[in-house]
């Protein structure tokens, strides 16, 4: 049994979606009928019934012939048979897909844990012409954070509208940053694990509540280099496929901090 083309399938399913049209088909399944006779039982206008019939004709579920001054309608079951064949194909496809998922889950159970993507580490470095202290402070001062984060987001093509910047700069303290995007508020939060001015900042990095139990970790190391310094960011426990994207994001942030600290005289 051939299956209907996508356009025909849409017409058939739309035709079947309305109870009035289904009632018309049930009546015609018992035999031919005049349009006036079909319209009689329905508490709607004749014009409304005619519109329903036209949708059934578009789906090829109903055919009409002229008998004198009136039209006689006839039920055509072939499209329903074609839809039934399409449904059977979908059942076969999804049945195989669900079996594959079931096999995967059974394999996970056999191995004693979920089969997940490999974790990896992102690493970026940037040289600054300002002192380590000024770079260090830019990570913990809320006003400076708001400024360079906004600039980094704009470099990414986003609005840069910061909604919340909250910092409790102590070991065990929390931070929360958020910005507004087309999909809503993008949130980032975590806990400071180490603060050693001006050498090192370590914190957890969370973007979704599901990561709370096992968050990724960011280590910022600041090493003196002449009159300036070199900053290295190491972001651990991220999906391997995200490494390049994460490195690009941190690099944008470092460039934004560089512009801010270089322009500031404080």
C-alpha atoms as a PDB file:
ATOM      1  CA  UNK A   1       0.000   0.000   0.000  1.00  0.00           C
ATOM      2  CA  UNK A   2       1.583   3.338  -1.048  1.00  0.00           C
ATOM      3  CA  UNK A   3       1.913   6.014   1.595  1.00  0.00           C
ATOM      4  CA  UNK A   4       0.658   9.574   0.929  1.00  0.00           C
ATOM      5  CA  UNK A   5       2.985  12.418   0.064  1.00  0.00           C
ATOM      6  CA  UNK A   6       3.601  14.918   2.868  1.00  0.00           C
ATOM      7  CA  UNK A   7       1.167  17.500   1.475  1.00  0.00           C
ATOM      8  CA  UNK A   8      -1.585  14.922   0.970  1.00  0.00           C
ATOM      9  CA  UNK A   9      -0.972  13.526   4.446  1.00  0.00           C
ATOM     10  CA  UNK A  10      -1.397  17.004   5.940  1.00  0.00           C
ATOM     11  CA  UNK A  11      -4.708  17.433   4.088  1.00  0.00           C
ATOM     12  CA  UNK A  12      -5.984  14.064   5.286  1.00  0.00           C
ATOM     13  CA  UNK A  13      -5.037  14.607   8.924  1.00  0.00           C
ATOM     14  CA  UNK A  14      -6.497  18.117   8.931  1.00  0.00           C
ATOM     15  CA  UNK A  15      -9.723  16.737   7.466  1.00  0.00           C
ATOM     16  CA  UNK A  16      -9.953  14.079  10.166  1.00  0.00           C
ATOM     17  CA  UNK A  17      -9.178  16.491  13.004  1.00  0.00           C
ATOM     18  CA  UNK A  18     -12.695  17.992  13.149  1.00  0.00           C
ATOM     19  CA  UNK A  19     -15.670  16.120  14.706  1.00  0.00           C
ATOM     20  CA  UNK A  20     -18.136  17.537  12.168  1.00  0.00           C
ATOM     21  CA  UNK A  21     -16.070  16.235   9.255  1.00  0.00           C
ATOM     22  CA  UNK A  22     -15.692  12.855  10.944  1.00  0.00           C
ATOM     23  CA  UNK A  23     -19.491  12.715  11.377  1.00  0.00           C
ATOM     24  CA  UNK A  24     -19.933  13.462   7.675  1.00  0.00           C
ATOM     25  CA  UNK A  25     -17.583  10.608   6.797  1.00  0.00           C
ATOM     26  CA  UNK A  26     -19.435   8.215   9.102  1.00  0.00           C
ATOM     27  CA  UNK A  27     -22.681   9.094   7.347  1.00  0.00           C
ATOM     28  CA  UNK A  28     -21.181   8.668   3.887  1.00  0.00           C
ATOM     29  CA  UNK A  29     -19.636   5.346   4.895  1.00  0.00           C
ATOM     30  CA  UNK A  30     -23.222   4.023   4.992  1.00  0.00           C
ATOM     31  CA  UNK A  31     -23.867   5.178   1.426  1.00  0.00           C
ATOM     32  CA  UNK A  32     -24.090   8.151  -0.911  1.00  0.00           C
ATOM     33  CA  UNK A  33     -26.006  11.253   0.165  1.00  0.00           C
ATOM     34  CA  UNK A  34     -27.056  14.630  -1.141  1.00  0.00           C
ATOM     35  CA  UNK A  35     -25.348  17.684   0.317  1.00  0.00           C
ATOM     36  CA  UNK A  36     -28.687  19.007   1.587  1.00  0.00           C
ATOM     37  CA  UNK A  37     -29.348  15.740   3.415  1.00  0.00           C
ATOM     38  CA  UNK A  38     -25.868  15.762   4.939  1.00  0.00           C
ATOM     39  CA  UNK A  39     -26.310  19.294   6.225  1.00  0.00           C
ATOM     40  CA  UNK A  40     -29.699  18.699   7.841  1.00  0.00           C
ATOM     41  CA  UNK A  41     -28.552  17.052  11.141  1.00  0.00           C
ATOM     42  CA  UNK A  42     -25.961  19.700  11.975  1.00  0.00           C
ATOM     43  CA  UNK A  43     -26.745  22.809  14.031  1.00  0.00           C
ATOM     44  CA  UNK A  44     -24.611  24.955  11.735  1.00  0.00           C
ATOM     45  CA  UNK A  45     -25.305  26.823   8.509  1.00  0.00           C
ATOM     46  CA  UNK A  46     -25.356  25.175   5.114  1.00  0.00           C
ATOM     47  CA  UNK A  47     -22.344  27.279   4.107  1.00  0.00           C
ATOM     48  CA  UNK A  48     -20.373  25.944   7.081  1.00  0.00           C
ATOM     49  CA  UNK A  49     -21.177  22.366   6.112  1.00  0.00           C
ATOM     50  CA  UNK A  50     -20.098  23.149   2.536  1.00  0.00           C
ATOM     51  CA  UNK A  51     -16.724  24.363   3.819  1.00  0.00           C
ATOM     52  CA  UNK A  52     -16.258  21.113   5.759  1.00  0.00           C
ATOM     53  CA  UNK A  53     -17.085  19.122   2.641  1.00  0.00           C
ATOM     54  CA  UNK A  54     -14.543  21.062   0.579  1.00  0.00           C
ATOM     55  CA  UNK A  55     -11.813  20.144   3.084  1.00  0.00           C
ATOM     56  CA  UNK A  56     -12.836  16.499   2.828  1.00  0.00           C
ATOM     57  CA  UNK A  57     -12.694  16.756  -0.976  1.00  0.00           C
ATOM     58  CA  UNK A  58      -9.245  18.348  -0.815  1.00  0.00           C
ATOM     59  CA  UNK A  59      -8.105  15.314   1.167  1.00  0.00           C
ATOM     60  CA  UNK A  60      -9.721  13.066  -1.478  1.00  0.00           C
ATOM     61  CA  UNK A  61     -11.912  11.491   1.218  1.00  0.00           C
ATOM     62  CA  UNK A  62     -15.088  12.585  -0.536  1.00  0.00           C
ATOM     63  CA  UNK A  63     -16.054  12.721  -4.215  1.00  0.00           C
ATOM     64  CA  UNK A  64     -19.095  14.445  -5.696  1.00  0.00           C
ATOM     65  CA  UNK A  65     -21.152  13.853  -8.800  1.00  0.00           C
ATOM     66  CA  UNK A  66     -24.011  15.832 -10.222  1.00  0.00           C
ATOM     67  CA  UNK A  67     -27.463  14.307 -10.410  1.00  0.00           C
ATOM     68  CA  UNK A  68     -29.859  16.732 -12.011  1.00  0.00           C
ATOM     69  CA  UNK A  69     -29.728  19.933 -10.037  1.00  0.00           C
ATOM     70  CA  UNK A  70     -28.142  18.413  -6.974  1.00  0.00           C
ATOM     71  CA  UNK A  71     -24.767  17.005  -5.982  1.00  0.00           C
ATOM     72  CA  UNK A  72     -24.354  13.522  -4.597  1.00  0.00           C
ATOM     73  CA  UNK A  73     -21.406  12.827  -2.286  1.00  0.00           C
ATOM     74  CA  UNK A  74     -19.541   9.544  -2.011  1.00  0.00           C
ATOM     75  CA  UNK A  75     -17.020   8.329   0.583  1.00  0.00           C
ATOM     76  CA  UNK A  76     -13.532   7.441  -0.717  1.00  0.00           C
ATOM     77  CA  UNK A  77     -11.687   5.156   1.745  1.00  0.00           C
ATOM     78  CA  UNK A  78      -8.369   4.962  -0.135  1.00  0.00           C
ATOM     79  CA  UNK A  79      -6.708   7.910   1.712  1.00  0.00           C
ATOM     80  CA  UNK A  80      -7.513   6.271   5.064  1.00  0.00           C
ATOM     81  CA  UNK A  81      -5.816   3.089   3.905  1.00  0.00           C
ATOM     82  CA  UNK A  82      -2.776   5.147   2.901  1.00  0.00           C
ATOM     83  CA  UNK A  83      -2.675   6.855   6.297  1.00  0.00           C
ATOM     84  CA  UNK A  84      -2.926   3.460   7.972  1.00  0.00           C
ATOM     85  CA  UNK A  85       0.101   2.319   5.957  1.00  0.00           C
ATOM     86  CA  UNK A  86       1.987   5.478   6.988  1.00  0.00           C
ATOM     87  CA  UNK A  87       1.180   4.841  10.652  1.00  0.00           C
ATOM     88  CA  UNK A  88       2.456   1.273  10.276  1.00  0.00           C
ATOM     89  CA  UNK A  89       5.728   2.618   8.862  1.00  0.00           C
ATOM     90  CA  UNK A  90       6.081   5.009  11.806  1.00  0.00           C
ATOM     91  CA  UNK A  91       5.399   2.216  14.260  1.00  0.00           C
ATOM     92  CA  UNK A  92       8.087   0.108  12.637  1.00  0.00           C
ATOM     93  CA  UNK A  93      10.586   2.997  12.687  1.00  0.00           C
ATOM     94  CA  UNK A  94       9.917   4.064  16.270  1.00  0.00           C
ATOM     95  CA  UNK A  95       9.715   0.484  17.394  1.00  0.00           C
ATOM     96  CA  UNK A  96      13.255  -0.069  16.091  1.00  0.00           C
ATOM     97  CA  UNK A  97      14.435   3.231  17.607  1.00  0.00           C
ATOM     98  CA  UNK A  98      12.957   2.422  21.006  1.00  0.00           C
ATOM     99  CA  UNK A  99      14.550  -1.006  20.861  1.00  0.00           C
ATOM    100  CA  UNK A 100      17.927   0.647  20.191  1.00  0.00           C
ATOM    101  CA  UNK A 101      17.413   2.896  23.222  1.00  0.00           C
ATOM    102  CA  UNK A 102      16.426  -0.098  25.306  1.00  0.00           C
ATOM    103  CA  UNK A 103      19.547  -1.956  24.166  1.00  0.00           C
ATOM    104  CA  UNK A 104      21.680   1.078  25.078  1.00  0.00           C
ATOM    105  CA  UNK A 105      20.170   1.307  28.556  1.00  0.00           C
ATOM    106  CA  UNK A 106      20.685  -2.417  29.084  1.00  0.00           C
ATOM    107  CA  UNK A 107      24.328  -1.990  28.042  1.00  0.00           C
ATOM    108  CA  UNK A 108      24.704   0.838  30.549  1.00  0.00           C
ATOM    109  CA  UNK A 109      23.242  -1.350  33.281  1.00  0.00           C
ATOM    110  CA  UNK A 110      25.588  -4.163  32.320  1.00  0.00           C
ATOM    111  CA  UNK A 111      28.614  -1.861  32.591  1.00  0.00           C
ATOM    112  CA  UNK A 112      27.398  -0.435  35.873  1.00  0.00           C
ATOM    113  CA  UNK A 113      26.927   3.187  34.851  1.00  0.00           C
ATOM    114  CA  UNK A 114      25.780   5.613  32.158  1.00  0.00           C
ATOM    115  CA  UNK A 115      27.638   5.907  28.881  1.00  0.00           C
ATOM    116  CA  UNK A 116      28.576   9.601  28.807  1.00  0.00           C
ATOM    117  CA  UNK A 117      30.806  11.845  26.772  1.00  0.00           C
ATOM    118  CA  UNK A 118      34.431  12.066  27.862  1.00  0.00           C
ATOM    119  CA  UNK A 119      35.313  14.966  30.165  1.00  0.00           C
ATOM    120  CA  UNK A 120      38.168  17.299  29.274  1.00  0.00           C
ATOM    121  CA  UNK A 121      39.961  20.498  30.332  1.00  0.00           C
ATOM    122  CA  UNK A 122      39.952  23.892  28.623  1.00  0.00           C
ATOM    123  CA  UNK A 123      43.028  26.118  28.962  1.00  0.00           C
ATOM    124  CA  UNK A 124      43.716  29.691  27.804  1.00  0.00           C
ATOM    125  CA  UNK A 125      46.394  32.289  28.592  1.00  0.00           C
ATOM    126  CA  UNK A 126      46.705  36.048  28.064  1.00  0.00           C
ATOM    127  CA  UNK A 127      49.441  38.579  28.789  1.00  0.00           C
ATOM    128  CA  UNK A 128      48.520  41.847  30.487  1.00  0.00           C
ATOM    129  CA  UNK A 129      50.571  45.039  30.631  1.00  0.00           C
ATOM    130  CA  UNK A 130      49.177  45.938  34.075  1.00  0.00           C
ATOM    131  CA  UNK A 131      50.093  44.574  37.489  1.00  0.00           C
ATOM    132  CA  UNK A 132      48.821  41.236  38.828  1.00  0.00           C
ATOM    133  CA  UNK A 133      46.917  43.091  41.569  1.00  0.00           C
ATOM    134  CA  UNK A 134      44.821  45.044  39.081  1.00  0.00           C
ATOM    135  CA  UNK A 135      43.933  41.933  37.124  1.00  0.00           C
ATOM    136  CA  UNK A 136      43.121  40.015  40.304  1.00  0.00           C
ATOM    137  CA  UNK A 137      40.838  42.784  41.585  1.00  0.00           C
ATOM    138  CA  UNK A 138      38.972  42.935  38.253  1.00  0.00           C
ATOM    139  CA  UNK A 139      37.670  39.418  38.958  1.00  0.00           C
ATOM    140  CA  UNK A 140      36.225  40.280  42.379  1.00  0.00           C
ATOM    141  CA  UNK A 141      35.079  43.913  42.190  1.00  0.00           C
ATOM    142  CA  UNK A 142      31.353  43.869  41.218  1.00  0.00           C
ATOM    143  CA  UNK A 143      31.497  47.111  39.218  1.00  0.00           C
ATOM    144  CA  UNK A 144      34.557  46.014  37.264  1.00  0.00           C
ATOM    145  CA  UNK A 145      32.977  42.583  36.725  1.00  0.00           C
ATOM    146  CA  UNK A 146      29.809  44.160  35.359  1.00  0.00           C
ATOM    147  CA  UNK A 147      31.810  46.328  32.947  1.00  0.00           C
ATOM    148  CA  UNK A 148      34.095  43.691  31.436  1.00  0.00           C
ATOM    149  CA  UNK A 149      31.456  40.961  31.366  1.00  0.00           C
ATOM    150  CA  UNK A 150      29.125  43.256  29.436  1.00  0.00           C
ATOM    151  CA  UNK A 151      31.913  44.028  26.957  1.00  0.00           C
ATOM    152  CA  UNK A 152      32.752  40.336  26.519  1.00  0.00           C
ATOM    153  CA  UNK A 153      29.092  39.468  25.878  1.00  0.00           C
ATOM    154  CA  UNK A 154      28.814  42.216  23.283  1.00  0.00           C
ATOM    155  CA  UNK A 155      31.880  40.801  21.532  1.00  0.00           C
ATOM    156  CA  UNK A 156      29.930  37.519  21.337  1.00  0.00           C
ATOM    157  CA  UNK A 157      27.071  39.321  19.562  1.00  0.00           C
ATOM    158  CA  UNK A 158      24.820  39.496  22.633  1.00  0.00           C
ATOM    159  CA  UNK A 159      23.208  42.549  24.207  1.00  0.00           C
ATOM    160  CA  UNK A 160      25.598  42.689  27.162  1.00  0.00           C
ATOM    161  CA  UNK A 161      22.741  43.662  29.474  1.00  0.00           C
ATOM    162  CA  UNK A 162      23.862  42.490  32.929  1.00  0.00           C
ATOM    163  CA  UNK A 163      20.959  41.810  35.275  1.00  0.00           C
ATOM    164  CA  UNK A 164      22.720  40.582  38.425  1.00  0.00           C
ATOM    165  CA  UNK A 165      26.331  40.721  39.611  1.00  0.00           C
ATOM    166  CA  UNK A 166      26.714  39.470  43.167  1.00  0.00           C
ATOM    167  CA  UNK A 167      30.084  38.649  44.760  1.00  0.00           C
ATOM    168  CA  UNK A 168      30.928  37.402  48.255  1.00  0.00           C
ATOM    169  CA  UNK A 169      34.729  37.470  47.858  1.00  0.00           C
ATOM    170  CA  UNK A 170      35.857  35.009  50.513  1.00  0.00           C
ATOM    171  CA  UNK A 171      36.667  31.307  50.547  1.00  0.00           C
ATOM    172  CA  UNK A 172      33.306  29.557  50.738  1.00  0.00           C
ATOM    173  CA  UNK A 173      31.558  32.689  49.512  1.00  0.00           C
ATOM    174  CA  UNK A 174      29.176  32.601  46.551  1.00  0.00           C
ATOM    175  CA  UNK A 175      28.951  34.559  43.322  1.00  0.00           C
ATOM    176  CA  UNK A 176      26.072  34.970  40.893  1.00  0.00           C
ATOM    177  CA  UNK A 177      26.183  36.601  37.451  1.00  0.00           C
ATOM    178  CA  UNK A 178      23.326  36.846  34.967  1.00  0.00           C
ATOM    179  CA  UNK A 179      22.633  38.599  31.685  1.00  0.00           C
ATOM    180  CA  UNK A 180      19.575  38.968  29.487  1.00  0.00           C
ATOM    181  CA  UNK A 181      19.359  37.119  26.176  1.00  0.00           C
ATOM    182  CA  UNK A 182      16.658  36.363  23.619  1.00  0.00           C
ATOM    183  CA  UNK A 183      15.762  33.147  25.448  1.00  0.00           C
ATOM    184  CA  UNK A 184      15.635  34.883  28.850  1.00  0.00           C
ATOM    185  CA  UNK A 185      18.019  35.289  31.775  1.00  0.00           C
ATOM    186  CA  UNK A 186      21.317  33.367  31.408  1.00  0.00           C
ATOM    187  CA  UNK A 187      22.616  32.492  34.875  1.00  0.00           C
ATOM    188  CA  UNK A 188      26.099  31.572  36.117  1.00  0.00           C
ATOM    189  CA  UNK A 189      27.003  30.881  39.715  1.00  0.00           C
ATOM    190  CA  UNK A 190      29.485  29.117  41.942  1.00  0.00           C
ATOM    191  CA  UNK A 191      31.551  29.067  45.124  1.00  0.00           C
ATOM    192  CA  UNK A 192      35.022  30.459  45.739  1.00  0.00           C
ATOM    193  CA  UNK A 193      37.372  27.615  46.741  1.00  0.00           C
ATOM    194  CA  UNK A 194      40.636  29.577  46.963  1.00  0.00           C
ATOM    195  CA  UNK A 195      41.524  33.281  46.974  1.00  0.00           C
ATOM    196  CA  UNK A 196      45.229  34.201  47.080  1.00  0.00           C
ATOM    197  CA  UNK A 197      45.747  37.833  46.041  1.00  0.00           C
ATOM    198  CA  UNK A 198      47.268  38.446  43.545  1.00  0.00           C
ATOM    199  CA  UNK A 199      48.277  34.926  42.537  1.00  0.00           C
ATOM    200  CA  UNK A 200      45.263  32.667  42.260  1.00  0.00           C
ATOM    201  CA  UNK A 201      41.448  32.409  42.243  1.00  0.00           C
ATOM    202  CA  UNK A 202      39.676  29.040  42.221  1.00  0.00           C
ATOM    203  CA  UNK A 203      35.901  28.600  41.992  1.00  0.00           C
ATOM    204  CA  UNK A 204      33.194  26.221  40.864  1.00  0.00           C
ATOM    205  CA  UNK A 205      31.271  27.163  37.719  1.00  0.00           C
ATOM    206  CA  UNK A 206      27.601  26.249  37.312  1.00  0.00           C
ATOM    207  CA  UNK A 207      25.132  27.184  34.583  1.00  0.00           C
ATOM    208  CA  UNK A 208      22.324  24.724  35.380  1.00  0.00           C
ATOM    209  CA  UNK A 209      20.939  23.354  38.644  1.00  0.00           C
ATOM    210  CA  UNK A 210      21.620  19.806  37.424  1.00  0.00           C
ATOM    211  CA  UNK A 211      25.368  20.575  37.762  1.00  0.00           C
ATOM    212  CA  UNK A 212      25.167  21.468  41.465  1.00  0.00           C
ATOM    213  CA  UNK A 213      26.171  18.003  42.706  1.00  0.00           C
ATOM    214  CA  UNK A 214      29.295  17.782  40.536  1.00  0.00           C
ATOM    215  CA  UNK A 215      30.236  21.220  39.132  1.00  0.00           C
ATOM    216  CA  UNK A 216      33.116  22.073  36.855  1.00  0.00           C
ATOM    217  CA  UNK A 217      36.056  23.970  38.377  1.00  0.00           C
ATOM    218  CA  UNK A 218      37.940  27.047  37.203  1.00  0.00           C
ATOM    219  CA  UNK A 219      41.462  27.964  38.316  1.00  0.00           C
ATOM    220  CA  UNK A 220      42.849  31.403  37.465  1.00  0.00           C
ATOM    221  CA  UNK A 221      46.602  31.703  37.908  1.00  0.00           C
ATOM    222  CA  UNK A 222      48.282  35.118  37.690  1.00  0.00           C
ATOM    223  CA  UNK A 223      52.065  35.150  37.241  1.00  0.00           C
ATOM    224  CA  UNK A 224      54.207  38.331  37.209  1.00  0.00           C
ATOM    225  CA  UNK A 225      55.902  39.044  33.889  1.00  0.00           C
ATOM    226  CA  UNK A 226      58.038  42.163  33.905  1.00  0.00           C
ATOM    227  CA  UNK A 227      55.801  45.179  34.511  1.00  0.00           C
ATOM    228  CA  UNK A 228      52.770  43.096  33.602  1.00  0.00           C
ATOM    229  CA  UNK A 229      51.555  39.566  34.145  1.00  0.00           C
ATOM    230  CA  UNK A 230      50.379  36.397  32.416  1.00  0.00           C
ATOM    231  CA  UNK A 231      46.972  34.988  33.321  1.00  0.00           C
ATOM    232  CA  UNK A 232      46.131  31.333  32.707  1.00  0.00           C
ATOM    233  CA  UNK A 233      42.607  29.968  33.073  1.00  0.00           C
ATOM    234  CA  UNK A 234      42.127  26.223  33.452  1.00  0.00           C
ATOM    235  CA  UNK A 235      38.509  25.005  33.300  1.00  0.00           C
ATOM    236  CA  UNK A 236      38.221  21.350  34.364  1.00  0.00           C
ATOM    237  CA  UNK A 237      35.436  18.756  34.056  1.00  0.00           C
ATOM    238  CA  UNK A 238      33.697  19.990  30.928  1.00  0.00           C
ATOM    239  CA  UNK A 239      32.442  17.918  27.985  1.00  0.00           C
ATOM    240  CA  UNK A 240      35.155  17.314  25.421  1.00  0.00           C
ATOM    241  CA  UNK A 241      32.964  18.632  22.600  1.00  0.00           C
ATOM    242  CA  UNK A 242      32.604  21.968  24.482  1.00  0.00           C
ATOM    243  CA  UNK A 243      36.317  22.659  24.978  1.00  0.00           C
ATOM    244  CA  UNK A 244      36.772  24.945  21.971  1.00  0.00           C
ATOM    245  CA  UNK A 245      33.626  26.940  22.780  1.00  0.00           C
ATOM    246  CA  UNK A 246      34.639  27.318  26.431  1.00  0.00           C
ATOM    247  CA  UNK A 247      38.151  28.439  25.491  1.00  0.00           C
ATOM    248  CA  UNK A 248      36.736  31.054  23.124  1.00  0.00           C
ATOM    249  CA  UNK A 249      34.472  32.352  25.896  1.00  0.00           C
ATOM    250  CA  UNK A 250      37.271  32.696  28.448  1.00  0.00           C
ATOM    251  CA  UNK A 251      39.531  34.318  25.839  1.00  0.00           C
ATOM    252  CA  UNK A 252      36.874  36.971  25.182  1.00  0.00           C
ATOM    253  CA  UNK A 253      36.640  37.640  28.909  1.00  0.00           C
ATOM    254  CA  UNK A 254      40.411  38.049  29.242  1.00  0.00           C
ATOM    255  CA  UNK A 255      40.475  40.476  26.311  1.00  0.00           C
ATOM    256  CA  UNK A 256      37.655  42.485  27.898  1.00  0.00           C
ATOM    257  CA  UNK A 257      39.544  42.628  31.221  1.00  0.00           C
ATOM    258  CA  UNK A 258      42.673  43.737  29.358  1.00  0.00           C
ATOM    259  CA  UNK A 259      40.803  46.614  27.702  1.00  0.00           C
ATOM    260  CA  UNK A 260      39.270  47.644  31.024  1.00  0.00           C
ATOM    261  CA  UNK A 261      42.483  47.534  33.081  1.00  0.00           C
ATOM    262  CA  UNK A 262      44.594  49.128  30.366  1.00  0.00           C
ATOM    263  CA  UNK A 263      42.191  52.047  30.019  1.00  0.00           C
ATOM    264  CA  UNK A 264      41.854  52.550  33.799  1.00  0.00           C
ATOM    265  CA  UNK A 265      44.327  54.694  35.703  1.00  0.00           C
ATOM    266  CA  UNK A 266      43.220  53.380  39.090  1.00  0.00           C
END
